[in-house]
Amino acid sequence: MAKGGNPIGSWAFLIGVLLAIVLAFVTSMANLAWLLVVLGIIIGLFNISSKETQKFLFAGAILVIVGSFAGGTLSSVRYLNDIFANLVALFAPATIVVALKSVFELARR
């Protein structure tokens, strides 16, 4: 995350991770997964500097892939599948936004 960067992106990251965990335990809030997607988009737009793009894309891609597989594999552990699904819902859009920003940056050169 960019140091001294946009506080909106930093707050979106913190709130998103906490919300991903809380939503897994509160079934009445399960319909709020769209909020994780919106926070993920905000993270991708405001929180990742061009200097951090490569590291974020690598970590984000691994998190989305492992989160997808781990959720299914560890589904017998109560709530763990939902936590992984929520983290994927948060980080997949962020990773897509950062990847698109990176492609546009490369195209501008």
PDB file of N, CA and C in Angstrom:
ATOM      1  N   MET A   1       0.824  -1.166   0.000  1.00  0.00           N
ATOM      2  CA  MET A   1       0.000   0.000   0.000  1.00  0.00           C
ATOM      3  C   MET A   1       0.874   1.236   0.000  1.00  0.00           C
ATOM      4  N   ALA A   2       0.441   2.204  -0.717  1.00  0.00           N
ATOM      5  CA  ALA A   2       1.212   3.428  -0.837  1.00  0.00           C
ATOM      6  C   ALA A   2       1.269   4.154   0.500  1.00  0.00           C
ATOM      7  N   LYS A   3       2.476   4.475   0.938  1.00  0.00           N
ATOM      8  CA  LYS A   3       2.632   5.202   2.193  1.00  0.00           C
ATOM      9  C   LYS A   3       2.349   6.666   1.929  1.00  0.00           C
ATOM     10  N   GLY A   4       1.547   7.244   2.797  1.00  0.00           N
ATOM     11  CA  GLY A   4       1.197   8.638   2.623  1.00  0.00           C
ATOM     12  C   GLY A   4       0.253   8.845   1.448  1.00  0.00           C
ATOM     13  N   GLY A   5      -0.306   7.774   0.936  1.00  0.00           N
ATOM     14  CA  GLY A   5      -1.197   7.852  -0.211  1.00  0.00           C
ATOM     15  C   GLY A   5      -2.599   8.214   0.210  1.00  0.00           C
ATOM     16  N   ASN A   6      -3.532   7.804  -0.574  1.00  0.00           N
ATOM     17  CA  ASN A   6      -4.926   8.133  -0.357  1.00  0.00           C
ATOM     18  C   ASN A   6      -5.478   7.362   0.842  1.00  0.00           C
ATOM     19  N   PRO A   7      -5.991   8.064   1.848  1.00  0.00           N
ATOM     20  CA  PRO A   7      -6.523   7.363   3.029  1.00  0.00           C
ATOM     21  C   PRO A   7      -7.789   6.576   2.718  1.00  0.00           C
ATOM     22  N   ILE A   8      -8.487   6.930   1.646  1.00  0.00           N
ATOM     23  CA  ILE A   8      -9.695   6.192   1.276  1.00  0.00           C
ATOM     24  C   ILE A   8      -9.341   4.741   0.952  1.00  0.00           C
ATOM     25  N   GLY A   9      -8.290   4.533   0.200  1.00  0.00           N
ATOM     26  CA  GLY A   9      -7.865   3.191  -0.150  1.00  0.00           C
ATOM     27  C   GLY A   9      -7.396   2.398   1.052  1.00  0.00           C
ATOM     28  N   SER A  10      -6.690   3.063   1.962  1.00  0.00           N
ATOM     29  CA  SER A  10      -6.220   2.381   3.177  1.00  0.00           C
ATOM     30  C   SER A  10      -7.382   1.943   4.048  1.00  0.00           C
ATOM     31  N   TRP A  11      -8.362   2.834   4.216  1.00  0.00           N
ATOM     32  CA  TRP A  11      -9.543   2.483   5.007  1.00  0.00           C
ATOM     33  C   TRP A  11     -10.350   1.392   4.318  1.00  0.00           C
ATOM     34  N   ALA A  12     -10.452   1.457   2.997  1.00  0.00           N
ATOM     35  CA  ALA A  12     -11.195   0.428   2.257  1.00  0.00           C
ATOM     36  C   ALA A  12     -10.551  -0.938   2.461  1.00  0.00           C
ATOM     37  N   PHE A  13      -9.220  -0.980   2.476  1.00  0.00           N
ATOM     38  CA  PHE A  13      -8.515  -2.241   2.691  1.00  0.00           C
ATOM     39  C   PHE A  13      -8.801  -2.788   4.082  1.00  0.00           C
ATOM     40  N   LEU A  14      -8.645  -1.956   5.090  1.00  0.00           N
ATOM     41  CA  LEU A  14      -8.862  -2.390   6.470  1.00  0.00           C
ATOM     42  C   LEU A  14     -10.310  -2.815   6.694  1.00  0.00           C
ATOM     43  N   ILE A  15     -11.241  -1.994   6.263  1.00  0.00           N
ATOM     44  CA  ILE A  15     -12.658  -2.309   6.433  1.00  0.00           C
ATOM     45  C   ILE A  15     -13.024  -3.565   5.644  1.00  0.00           C
ATOM     46  N   GLY A  16     -12.471  -3.696   4.443  1.00  0.00           N
ATOM     47  CA  GLY A  16     -12.772  -4.854   3.605  1.00  0.00           C
ATOM     48  C   GLY A  16     -12.343  -6.172   4.233  1.00  0.00           C
ATOM     49  N   VAL A  17     -11.136  -6.216   4.759  1.00  0.00           N
ATOM     50  CA  VAL A  17     -10.648  -7.455   5.383  1.00  0.00           C
ATOM     51  C   VAL A  17     -11.473  -7.778   6.635  1.00  0.00           C
ATOM     52  N   LEU A  18     -11.735  -6.775   7.447  1.00  0.00           N
ATOM     53  CA  LEU A  18     -12.548  -7.013   8.647  1.00  0.00           C
ATOM     54  C   LEU A  18     -13.972  -7.439   8.275  1.00  0.00           C
ATOM     55  N   LEU A  19     -14.542  -6.793   7.273  1.00  0.00           N
ATOM     56  CA  LEU A  19     -15.889  -7.130   6.836  1.00  0.00           C
ATOM     57  C   LEU A  19     -15.937  -8.535   6.237  1.00  0.00           C
ATOM     58  N   ALA A  20     -14.884  -8.929   5.525  1.00  0.00           N
ATOM     59  CA  ALA A  20     -14.831 -10.277   4.953  1.00  0.00           C
ATOM     60  C   ALA A  20     -14.894 -11.333   6.054  1.00  0.00           C
ATOM     61  N   ILE A  21     -14.254 -11.065   7.161  1.00  0.00           N
ATOM     62  CA  ILE A  21     -14.268 -12.009   8.276  1.00  0.00           C
ATOM     63  C   ILE A  21     -15.614 -11.969   8.999  1.00  0.00           C
ATOM     64  N   VAL A  22     -16.108 -10.769   9.285  1.00  0.00           N
ATOM     65  CA  VAL A  22     -17.371 -10.628  10.020  1.00  0.00           C
ATOM     66  C   VAL A  22     -18.539 -11.214   9.229  1.00  0.00           C
ATOM     67  N   LEU A  23     -18.582 -10.959   7.919  1.00  0.00           N
ATOM     68  CA  LEU A  23     -19.685 -11.468   7.100  1.00  0.00           C
ATOM     69  C   LEU A  23     -19.759 -12.987   7.102  1.00  0.00           C
ATOM     70  N   ALA A  24     -18.637 -13.639   7.317  1.00  0.00           N
ATOM     71  CA  ALA A  24     -18.637 -15.106   7.351  1.00  0.00           C
ATOM     72  C   ALA A  24     -19.384 -15.636   8.570  1.00  0.00           C
ATOM     73  N   PHE A  25     -19.412 -14.869   9.637  1.00  0.00           N
ATOM     74  CA  PHE A  25     -20.048 -15.317  10.873  1.00  0.00           C
ATOM     75  C   PHE A  25     -21.482 -14.823  11.040  1.00  0.00           C
ATOM     76  N   VAL A  26     -21.845 -13.788  10.315  1.00  0.00           N
ATOM     77  CA  VAL A  26     -23.168 -13.191  10.454  1.00  0.00           C
ATOM     78  C   VAL A  26     -23.974 -13.518   9.202  1.00  0.00           C
ATOM     79  N   THR A  27     -24.824 -14.508   9.306  1.00  0.00           N
ATOM     80  CA  THR A  27     -25.563 -14.970   8.130  1.00  0.00           C
ATOM     81  C   THR A  27     -26.584 -13.946   7.644  1.00  0.00           C
ATOM     82  N   SER A  28     -27.092 -13.098   8.534  1.00  0.00           N
ATOM     83  CA  SER A  28     -28.071 -12.105   8.098  1.00  0.00           C
ATOM     84  C   SER A  28     -27.435 -11.040   7.208  1.00  0.00           C
ATOM     85  N   MET A  29     -26.114 -10.933   7.231  1.00  0.00           N
ATOM     86  CA  MET A  29     -25.413  -9.954   6.409  1.00  0.00           C
ATOM     87  C   MET A  29     -24.807 -10.589   5.158  1.00  0.00           C
ATOM     88  N   ALA A  30     -25.158 -11.817   4.866  1.00  0.00           N
ATOM     89  CA  ALA A  30     -24.557 -12.523   3.735  1.00  0.00           C
ATOM     90  C   ALA A  30     -24.855 -11.855   2.405  1.00  0.00           C
ATOM     91  N   ASN A  31     -25.948 -11.106   2.316  1.00  0.00           N
ATOM     92  CA  ASN A  31     -26.286 -10.433   1.070  1.00  0.00           C
ATOM     93  C   ASN A  31     -25.466  -9.177   0.833  1.00  0.00           C
ATOM     94  N   LEU A  32     -24.565  -8.870   1.732  1.00  0.00           N
ATOM     95  CA  LEU A  32     -23.729  -7.687   1.582  1.00  0.00           C
ATOM     96  C   LEU A  32     -22.392  -7.989   0.904  1.00  0.00           C
ATOM     97  N   ALA A  33     -22.286  -9.113   0.235  1.00  0.00           N
ATOM     98  CA  ALA A  33     -21.040  -9.455  -0.456  1.00  0.00           C
ATOM     99  C   ALA A  33     -20.713  -8.437  -1.541  1.00  0.00           C
ATOM    100  N   TRP A  34     -21.735  -7.791  -2.098  1.00  0.00           N
ATOM    101  CA  TRP A  34     -21.494  -6.756  -3.108  1.00  0.00           C
ATOM    102  C   TRP A  34     -20.650  -5.620  -2.528  1.00  0.00           C
ATOM    103  N   LEU A  35     -20.764  -5.386  -1.217  1.00  0.00           N
ATOM    104  CA  LEU A  35     -19.980  -4.348  -0.570  1.00  0.00           C
ATOM    105  C   LEU A  35     -18.488  -4.686  -0.631  1.00  0.00           C
ATOM    106  N   LEU A  36     -18.157  -5.964  -0.519  1.00  0.00           N
ATOM    107  CA  LEU A  36     -16.755  -6.384  -0.646  1.00  0.00           C
ATOM    108  C   LEU A  36     -16.227  -6.103  -2.041  1.00  0.00           C
ATOM    109  N   VAL A  37     -17.060  -6.323  -3.042  1.00  0.00           N
ATOM    110  CA  VAL A  37     -16.655  -6.049  -4.424  1.00  0.00           C
ATOM    111  C   VAL A  37     -16.390  -4.553  -4.615  1.00  0.00           C
ATOM    112  N   VAL A  38     -17.276  -3.723  -4.093  1.00  0.00           N
ATOM    113  CA  VAL A  38     -17.097  -2.271  -4.199  1.00  0.00           C
ATOM    114  C   VAL A  38     -15.823  -1.831  -3.472  1.00  0.00           C
ATOM    115  N   LEU A  39     -15.606  -2.350  -2.273  1.00  0.00           N
ATOM    116  CA  LEU A  39     -14.379  -2.020  -1.539  1.00  0.00           C
ATOM    117  C   LEU A  39     -13.140  -2.505  -2.287  1.00  0.00           C
ATOM    118  N   GLY A  40     -13.232  -3.654  -2.935  1.00  0.00           N
ATOM    119  CA  GLY A  40     -12.115  -4.153  -3.736  1.00  0.00           C
ATOM    120  C   GLY A  40     -11.783  -3.219  -4.889  1.00  0.00           C
ATOM    121  N   ILE A  41     -12.801  -2.695  -5.531  1.00  0.00           N
ATOM    122  CA  ILE A  41     -12.584  -1.743  -6.624  1.00  0.00           C
ATOM    123  C   ILE A  41     -11.919  -0.473  -6.093  1.00  0.00           C
ATOM    124  N   ILE A  42     -12.377  -0.003  -4.934  1.00  0.00           N
ATOM    125  CA  ILE A  42     -11.775   1.189  -4.323  1.00  0.00           C
ATOM    126  C   ILE A  42     -10.313   0.932  -3.971  1.00  0.00           C
ATOM    127  N   ILE A  43     -10.031  -0.251  -3.435  1.00  0.00           N
ATOM    128  CA  ILE A  43      -8.643  -0.611  -3.109  1.00  0.00           C
ATOM    129  C   ILE A  43      -7.781  -0.568  -4.361  1.00  0.00           C
ATOM    130  N   GLY A  44      -8.269  -1.170  -5.432  1.00  0.00           N
ATOM    131  CA  GLY A  44      -7.506  -1.192  -6.676  1.00  0.00           C
ATOM    132  C   GLY A  44      -7.292   0.182  -7.274  1.00  0.00           C
ATOM    133  N   LEU A  45      -8.292   1.059  -7.151  1.00  0.00           N
ATOM    134  CA  LEU A  45      -8.186   2.394  -7.733  1.00  0.00           C
ATOM    135  C   LEU A  45      -7.309   3.340  -6.924  1.00  0.00           C
ATOM    136  N   PHE A  46      -7.429   3.300  -5.613  1.00  0.00           N
ATOM    137  CA  PHE A  46      -6.823   4.337  -4.786  1.00  0.00           C
ATOM    138  C   PHE A  46      -5.659   3.894  -3.915  1.00  0.00           C
ATOM    139  N   ASN A  47      -5.428   2.608  -3.779  1.00  0.00           N
ATOM    140  CA  ASN A  47      -4.492   2.168  -2.744  1.00  0.00           C
ATOM    141  C   ASN A  47      -3.190   1.605  -3.284  1.00  0.00           C
ATOM    142  N   ILE A  48      -3.116   1.319  -4.545  1.00  0.00           N
ATOM    143  CA  ILE A  48      -1.926   0.672  -5.091  1.00  0.00           C
ATOM    144  C   ILE A  48      -1.213   1.636  -6.026  1.00  0.00           C
ATOM    145  N   SER A  49       0.011   1.993  -5.686  1.00  0.00           N
ATOM    146  CA  SER A  49       0.791   2.895  -6.538  1.00  0.00           C
ATOM    147  C   SER A  49       1.391   2.097  -7.693  1.00  0.00           C
ATOM    148  N   SER A  50       1.862   2.816  -8.702  1.00  0.00           N
ATOM    149  CA  SER A  50       2.454   2.130  -9.854  1.00  0.00           C
ATOM    150  C   SER A  50       3.718   1.369  -9.451  1.00  0.00           C
ATOM    151  N   LYS A  51       4.375   1.830  -8.403  1.00  0.00           N
ATOM    152  CA  LYS A  51       5.567   1.152  -7.895  1.00  0.00           C
ATOM    153  C   LYS A  51       5.224  -0.210  -7.283  1.00  0.00           C
ATOM    154  N   GLU A  52       4.020  -0.317  -6.732  1.00  0.00           N
ATOM    155  CA  GLU A  52       3.601  -1.538  -6.037  1.00  0.00           C
ATOM    156  C   GLU A  52       2.809  -2.498  -6.926  1.00  0.00           C
ATOM    157  N   THR A  53       2.575  -2.124  -8.155  1.00  0.00           N
ATOM    158  CA  THR A  53       1.690  -2.892  -9.028  1.00  0.00           C
ATOM    159  C   THR A  53       2.125  -4.345  -9.182  1.00  0.00           C
ATOM    160  N   GLN A  54       3.389  -4.571  -9.508  1.00  0.00           N
ATOM    161  CA  GLN A  54       3.853  -5.933  -9.760  1.00  0.00           C
ATOM    162  C   GLN A  54       3.705  -6.822  -8.525  1.00  0.00           C
ATOM    163  N   LYS A  55       4.096  -6.306  -7.376  1.00  0.00           N
ATOM    164  CA  LYS A  55       3.979  -7.085  -6.138  1.00  0.00           C
ATOM    165  C   LYS A  55       2.517  -7.361  -5.796  1.00  0.00           C
ATOM    166  N   PHE A  56       1.668  -6.342  -5.977  1.00  0.00           N
ATOM    167  CA  PHE A  56       0.256  -6.529  -5.660  1.00  0.00           C
ATOM    168  C   PHE A  56      -0.385  -7.545  -6.595  1.00  0.00           C
ATOM    169  N   LEU A  57      -0.074  -7.457  -7.887  1.00  0.00           N
ATOM    170  CA  LEU A  57      -0.663  -8.404  -8.839  1.00  0.00           C
ATOM    171  C   LEU A  57      -0.237  -9.834  -8.525  1.00  0.00           C
ATOM    172  N   PHE A  58       1.005 -10.011  -8.174  1.00  0.00           N
ATOM    173  CA  PHE A  58       1.493 -11.343  -7.823  1.00  0.00           C
ATOM    174  C   PHE A  58       0.782 -11.851  -6.559  1.00  0.00           C
ATOM    175  N   ALA A  59       0.785 -11.034  -5.515  1.00  0.00           N
ATOM    176  CA  ALA A  59       0.148 -11.445  -4.263  1.00  0.00           C
ATOM    177  C   ALA A  59      -1.364 -11.590  -4.430  1.00  0.00           C
ATOM    178  N   GLY A  60      -1.979 -10.669  -5.165  1.00  0.00           N
ATOM    179  CA  GLY A  60      -3.420 -10.730  -5.378  1.00  0.00           C
ATOM    180  C   GLY A  60      -3.837 -11.967  -6.159  1.00  0.00           C
ATOM    181  N   ALA A  61      -3.081 -12.292  -7.199  1.00  0.00           N
ATOM    182  CA  ALA A  61      -3.402 -13.483  -7.994  1.00  0.00           C
ATOM    183  C   ALA A  61      -3.272 -14.746  -7.156  1.00  0.00           C
ATOM    184  N   ILE A  62      -2.225 -14.830  -6.364  1.00  0.00           N
ATOM    185  CA  ILE A  62      -2.042 -16.001  -5.501  1.00  0.00           C
ATOM    186  C   ILE A  62      -3.162 -16.076  -4.467  1.00  0.00           C
ATOM    187  N   LEU A  63      -3.511 -14.943  -3.881  1.00  0.00           N
ATOM    188  CA  LEU A  63      -4.579 -14.928  -2.880  1.00  0.00           C
ATOM    189  C   LEU A  63      -5.911 -15.381  -3.472  1.00  0.00           C
ATOM    190  N   VAL A  64      -6.229 -14.904  -4.660  1.00  0.00           N
ATOM    191  CA  VAL A  64      -7.488 -15.287  -5.298  1.00  0.00           C
ATOM    192  C   VAL A  64      -7.479 -16.778  -5.659  1.00  0.00           C
ATOM    193  N   ILE A  65      -6.379 -17.267  -6.205  1.00  0.00           N
ATOM    194  CA  ILE A  65      -6.304 -18.682  -6.595  1.00  0.00           C
ATOM    195  C   ILE A  65      -6.345 -19.588  -5.365  1.00  0.00           C
ATOM    196  N   VAL A  66      -5.492 -19.315  -4.404  1.00  0.00           N
ATOM    197  CA  VAL A  66      -5.448 -20.150  -3.203  1.00  0.00           C
ATOM    198  C   VAL A  66      -6.750 -20.019  -2.414  1.00  0.00           C
ATOM    199  N   GLY A  67      -7.294 -18.818  -2.331  1.00  0.00           N
ATOM    200  CA  GLY A  67      -8.555 -18.624  -1.626  1.00  0.00           C
ATOM    201  C   GLY A  67      -9.687 -19.417  -2.258  1.00  0.00           C
ATOM    202  N   SER A  68      -9.697 -19.482  -3.567  1.00  0.00           N
ATOM    203  CA  SER A  68     -10.738 -20.253  -4.259  1.00  0.00           C
ATOM    204  C   SER A  68     -10.604 -21.745  -3.975  1.00  0.00           C
ATOM    205  N   PHE A  69      -9.387 -22.254  -4.077  1.00  0.00           N
ATOM    206  CA  PHE A  69      -9.177 -23.684  -3.839  1.00  0.00           C
ATOM    207  C   PHE A  69      -9.283 -24.046  -2.364  1.00  0.00           C
ATOM    208  N   ALA A  70      -8.731 -23.205  -1.490  1.00  0.00           N
ATOM    209  CA  ALA A  70      -8.734 -23.515  -0.062  1.00  0.00           C
ATOM    210  C   ALA A  70     -10.142 -23.511   0.499  1.00  0.00           C
ATOM    211  N   GLY A  71     -10.975 -22.601   0.016  1.00  0.00           N
ATOM    212  CA  GLY A  71     -12.348 -22.555   0.501  1.00  0.00           C
ATOM    213  C   GLY A  71     -13.076 -23.856   0.264  1.00  0.00           C
ATOM    214  N   GLY A  72     -12.902 -24.436  -0.910  1.00  0.00           N
ATOM    215  CA  GLY A  72     -13.548 -25.708  -1.212  1.00  0.00           C
ATOM    216  C   GLY A  72     -12.921 -26.871  -0.476  1.00  0.00           C
ATOM    217  N   THR A  73     -11.617 -26.840  -0.350  1.00  0.00           N
ATOM    218  CA  THR A  73     -10.902 -27.927   0.305  1.00  0.00           C
ATOM    219  C   THR A  73     -11.166 -27.959   1.805  1.00  0.00           C
ATOM    220  N   LEU A  74     -11.217 -26.805   2.410  1.00  0.00           N
ATOM    221  CA  LEU A  74     -11.391 -26.722   3.857  1.00  0.00           C
ATOM    222  C   LEU A  74     -12.830 -26.412   4.246  1.00  0.00           C
ATOM    223  N   SER A  75     -13.771 -26.758   3.385  1.00  0.00           N
ATOM    224  CA  SER A  75     -15.172 -26.420   3.647  1.00  0.00           C
ATOM    225  C   SER A  75     -15.742 -27.139   4.865  1.00  0.00           C
ATOM    226  N   SER A  76     -15.083 -28.191   5.306  1.00  0.00           N
ATOM    227  CA  SER A  76     -15.579 -28.894   6.488  1.00  0.00           C
ATOM    228  C   SER A  76     -15.293 -28.111   7.777  1.00  0.00           C
ATOM    229  N   VAL A  77     -14.365 -27.160   7.717  1.00  0.00           N
ATOM    230  CA  VAL A  77     -14.074 -26.318   8.880  1.00  0.00           C
ATOM    231  C   VAL A  77     -15.091 -25.177   8.879  1.00  0.00           C
ATOM    232  N   ARG A  78     -15.852 -25.094   9.939  1.00  0.00           N
ATOM    233  CA  ARG A  78     -16.948 -24.146  10.018  1.00  0.00           C
ATOM    234  C   ARG A  78     -16.472 -22.714   9.783  1.00  0.00           C
ATOM    235  N   TYR A  79     -17.162 -22.001   8.926  1.00  0.00           N
ATOM    236  CA  TYR A  79     -16.958 -20.596   8.583  1.00  0.00           C
ATOM    237  C   TYR A  79     -15.730 -20.340   7.705  1.00  0.00           C
ATOM    238  N   LEU A  80     -14.799 -21.254   7.625  1.00  0.00           N
ATOM    239  CA  LEU A  80     -13.581 -21.008   6.868  1.00  0.00           C
ATOM    240  C   LEU A  80     -13.860 -20.833   5.375  1.00  0.00           C
ATOM    241  N   ASN A  81     -14.769 -21.620   4.835  1.00  0.00           N
ATOM    242  CA  ASN A  81     -15.132 -21.502   3.428  1.00  0.00           C
ATOM    243  C   ASN A  81     -15.693 -20.114   3.139  1.00  0.00           C
ATOM    244  N   ASP A  82     -16.535 -19.598   4.028  1.00  0.00           N
ATOM    245  CA  ASP A  82     -17.120 -18.269   3.832  1.00  0.00           C
ATOM    246  C   ASP A  82     -16.069 -17.166   3.942  1.00  0.00           C
ATOM    247  N   ILE A  83     -15.126 -17.314   4.851  1.00  0.00           N
ATOM    248  CA  ILE A  83     -14.059 -16.312   4.975  1.00  0.00           C
ATOM    249  C   ILE A  83     -13.240 -16.254   3.694  1.00  0.00           C
ATOM    250  N   PHE A  84     -12.856 -17.411   3.168  1.00  0.00           N
ATOM    251  CA  PHE A  84     -12.077 -17.434   1.928  1.00  0.00           C
ATOM    252  C   PHE A  84     -12.878 -16.869   0.756  1.00  0.00           C
ATOM    253  N   ALA A  85     -14.156 -17.218   0.679  1.00  0.00           N
ATOM    254  CA  ALA A  85     -15.007 -16.691  -0.401  1.00  0.00           C
ATOM    255  C   ALA A  85     -15.116 -15.174  -0.306  1.00  0.00           C
ATOM    256  N   ASN A  86     -15.241 -14.662   0.900  1.00  0.00           N
ATOM    257  CA  ASN A  86     -15.325 -13.214   1.080  1.00  0.00           C
ATOM    258  C   ASN A  86     -14.010 -12.521   0.731  1.00  0.00           C
ATOM    259  N   LEU A  87     -12.897 -13.119   1.095  1.00  0.00           N
ATOM    260  CA  LEU A  87     -11.598 -12.533   0.734  1.00  0.00           C
ATOM    261  C   LEU A  87     -11.394 -12.525  -0.778  1.00  0.00           C
ATOM    262  N   VAL A  88     -11.853 -13.577  -1.440  1.00  0.00           N
ATOM    263  CA  VAL A  88     -11.782 -13.610  -2.906  1.00  0.00           C
ATOM    264  C   VAL A  88     -12.672 -12.511  -3.489  1.00  0.00           C
ATOM    265  N   ALA A  89     -13.866 -12.318  -2.910  1.00  0.00           N
ATOM    266  CA  ALA A  89     -14.774 -11.271  -3.384  1.00  0.00           C
ATOM    267  C   ALA A  89     -14.170  -9.883  -3.192  1.00  0.00           C
ATOM    268  N   LEU A  90     -13.304  -9.719  -2.213  1.00  0.00           N
ATOM    269  CA  LEU A  90     -12.635  -8.446  -1.969  1.00  0.00           C
ATOM    270  C   LEU A  90     -11.432  -8.250  -2.886  1.00  0.00           C
ATOM    271  N   PHE A  91     -10.593  -9.284  -3.017  1.00  0.00           N
ATOM    272  CA  PHE A  91      -9.330  -9.114  -3.722  1.00  0.00           C
ATOM    273  C   PHE A  91      -9.400  -9.360  -5.230  1.00  0.00           C
ATOM    274  N   ALA A  92     -10.368 -10.108  -5.698  1.00  0.00           N
ATOM    275  CA  ALA A  92     -10.478 -10.328  -7.144  1.00  0.00           C
ATOM    276  C   ALA A  92     -10.731  -9.008  -7.886  1.00  0.00           C
ATOM    277  N   PRO A  93     -11.706  -8.189  -7.461  1.00  0.00           N
ATOM    278  CA  PRO A  93     -11.897  -6.929  -8.172  1.00  0.00           C
ATOM    279  C   PRO A  93     -10.703  -5.981  -8.047  1.00  0.00           C
ATOM    280  N   ALA A  94     -10.058  -5.971  -6.868  1.00  0.00           N
ATOM    281  CA  ALA A  94      -8.881  -5.119  -6.694  1.00  0.00           C
ATOM    282  C   ALA A  94      -7.774  -5.541  -7.655  1.00  0.00           C
ATOM    283  N   THR A  95      -7.568  -6.832  -7.785  1.00  0.00           N
ATOM    284  CA  THR A  95      -6.539  -7.348  -8.681  1.00  0.00           C
ATOM    285  C   THR A  95      -6.869  -7.029 -10.139  1.00  0.00           C
ATOM    286  N   ILE A  96      -8.126  -7.146 -10.514  1.00  0.00           N
ATOM    287  CA  ILE A  96      -8.541  -6.839 -11.882  1.00  0.00           C
ATOM    288  C   ILE A  96      -8.323  -5.356 -12.184  1.00  0.00           C
ATOM    289  N   VAL A  97      -8.702  -4.488 -11.246  1.00  0.00           N
ATOM    290  CA  VAL A  97      -8.522  -3.048 -11.454  1.00  0.00           C
ATOM    291  C   VAL A  97      -7.050  -2.701 -11.595  1.00  0.00           C
ATOM    292  N   VAL A  98      -6.208  -3.239 -10.732  1.00  0.00           N
ATOM    293  CA  VAL A  98      -4.773  -2.949 -10.797  1.00  0.00           C
ATOM    294  C   VAL A  98      -4.173  -3.502 -12.091  1.00  0.00           C
ATOM    295  N   ALA A  99      -4.613  -4.676 -12.521  1.00  0.00           N
ATOM    296  CA  ALA A  99      -4.132  -5.240 -13.783  1.00  0.00           C
ATOM    297  C   ALA A  99      -4.533  -4.354 -14.960  1.00  0.00           C
ATOM    298  N   LEU A 100      -5.753  -3.863 -14.958  1.00  0.00           N
ATOM    299  CA  LEU A 100      -6.201  -2.966 -16.031  1.00  0.00           C
ATOM    300  C   LEU A 100      -5.417  -1.654 -16.027  1.00  0.00           C
ATOM    301  N   LYS A 101      -5.180  -1.111 -14.839  1.00  0.00           N
ATOM    302  CA  LYS A 101      -4.366   0.099 -14.743  1.00  0.00           C
ATOM    303  C   LYS A 101      -2.972  -0.151 -15.298  1.00  0.00           C
ATOM    304  N   SER A 102      -2.418  -1.313 -15.013  1.00  0.00           N
ATOM    305  CA  SER A 102      -1.087  -1.665 -15.493  1.00  0.00           C
ATOM    306  C   SER A 102      -1.063  -1.783 -17.013  1.00  0.00           C
ATOM    307  N   VAL A 103      -2.081  -2.399 -17.580  1.00  0.00           N
ATOM    308  CA  VAL A 103      -2.159  -2.542 -19.043  1.00  0.00           C
ATOM    309  C   VAL A 103      -2.277  -1.174 -19.699  1.00  0.00           C
ATOM    310  N   PHE A 104      -3.109  -0.303 -19.146  1.00  0.00           N
ATOM    311  CA  PHE A 104      -3.242   1.035 -19.715  1.00  0.00           C
ATOM    312  C   PHE A 104      -1.942   1.823 -19.595  1.00  0.00           C
ATOM    313  N   GLU A 105      -1.242   1.639 -18.497  1.00  0.00           N
ATOM    314  CA  GLU A 105       0.058   2.295 -18.322  1.00  0.00           C
ATOM    315  C   GLU A 105       1.065   1.812 -19.378  1.00  0.00           C
ATOM    316  N   LEU A 106       1.065   0.511 -19.620  1.00  0.00           N
ATOM    317  CA  LEU A 106       1.964  -0.027 -20.643  1.00  0.00           C
ATOM    318  C   LEU A 106       1.583   0.446 -22.038  1.00  0.00           C
ATOM    319  N   ALA A 107       0.292   0.577 -22.294  1.00  0.00           N
ATOM    320  CA  ALA A 107      -0.162   1.026 -23.610  1.00  0.00           C
ATOM    321  C   ALA A 107       0.169   2.484 -23.868  1.00  0.00           C
ATOM    322  N   ARG A 108       0.235   3.277 -22.794  1.00  0.00           N
ATOM    323  CA  ARG A 108       0.558   4.701 -22.943  1.00  0.00           C
ATOM    324  C   ARG A 108       2.010   4.939 -23.311  1.00  0.00           C
ATOM    325  N   ARG A 109       2.863   4.022 -23.027  1.00  0.00           N
ATOM    326  CA  ARG A 109       4.309   4.191 -23.287  1.00  0.00           C
ATOM    327  C   ARG A 109       4.631   4.065 -24.731  1.00  0.00           C
TER     328      ARG A 109
END
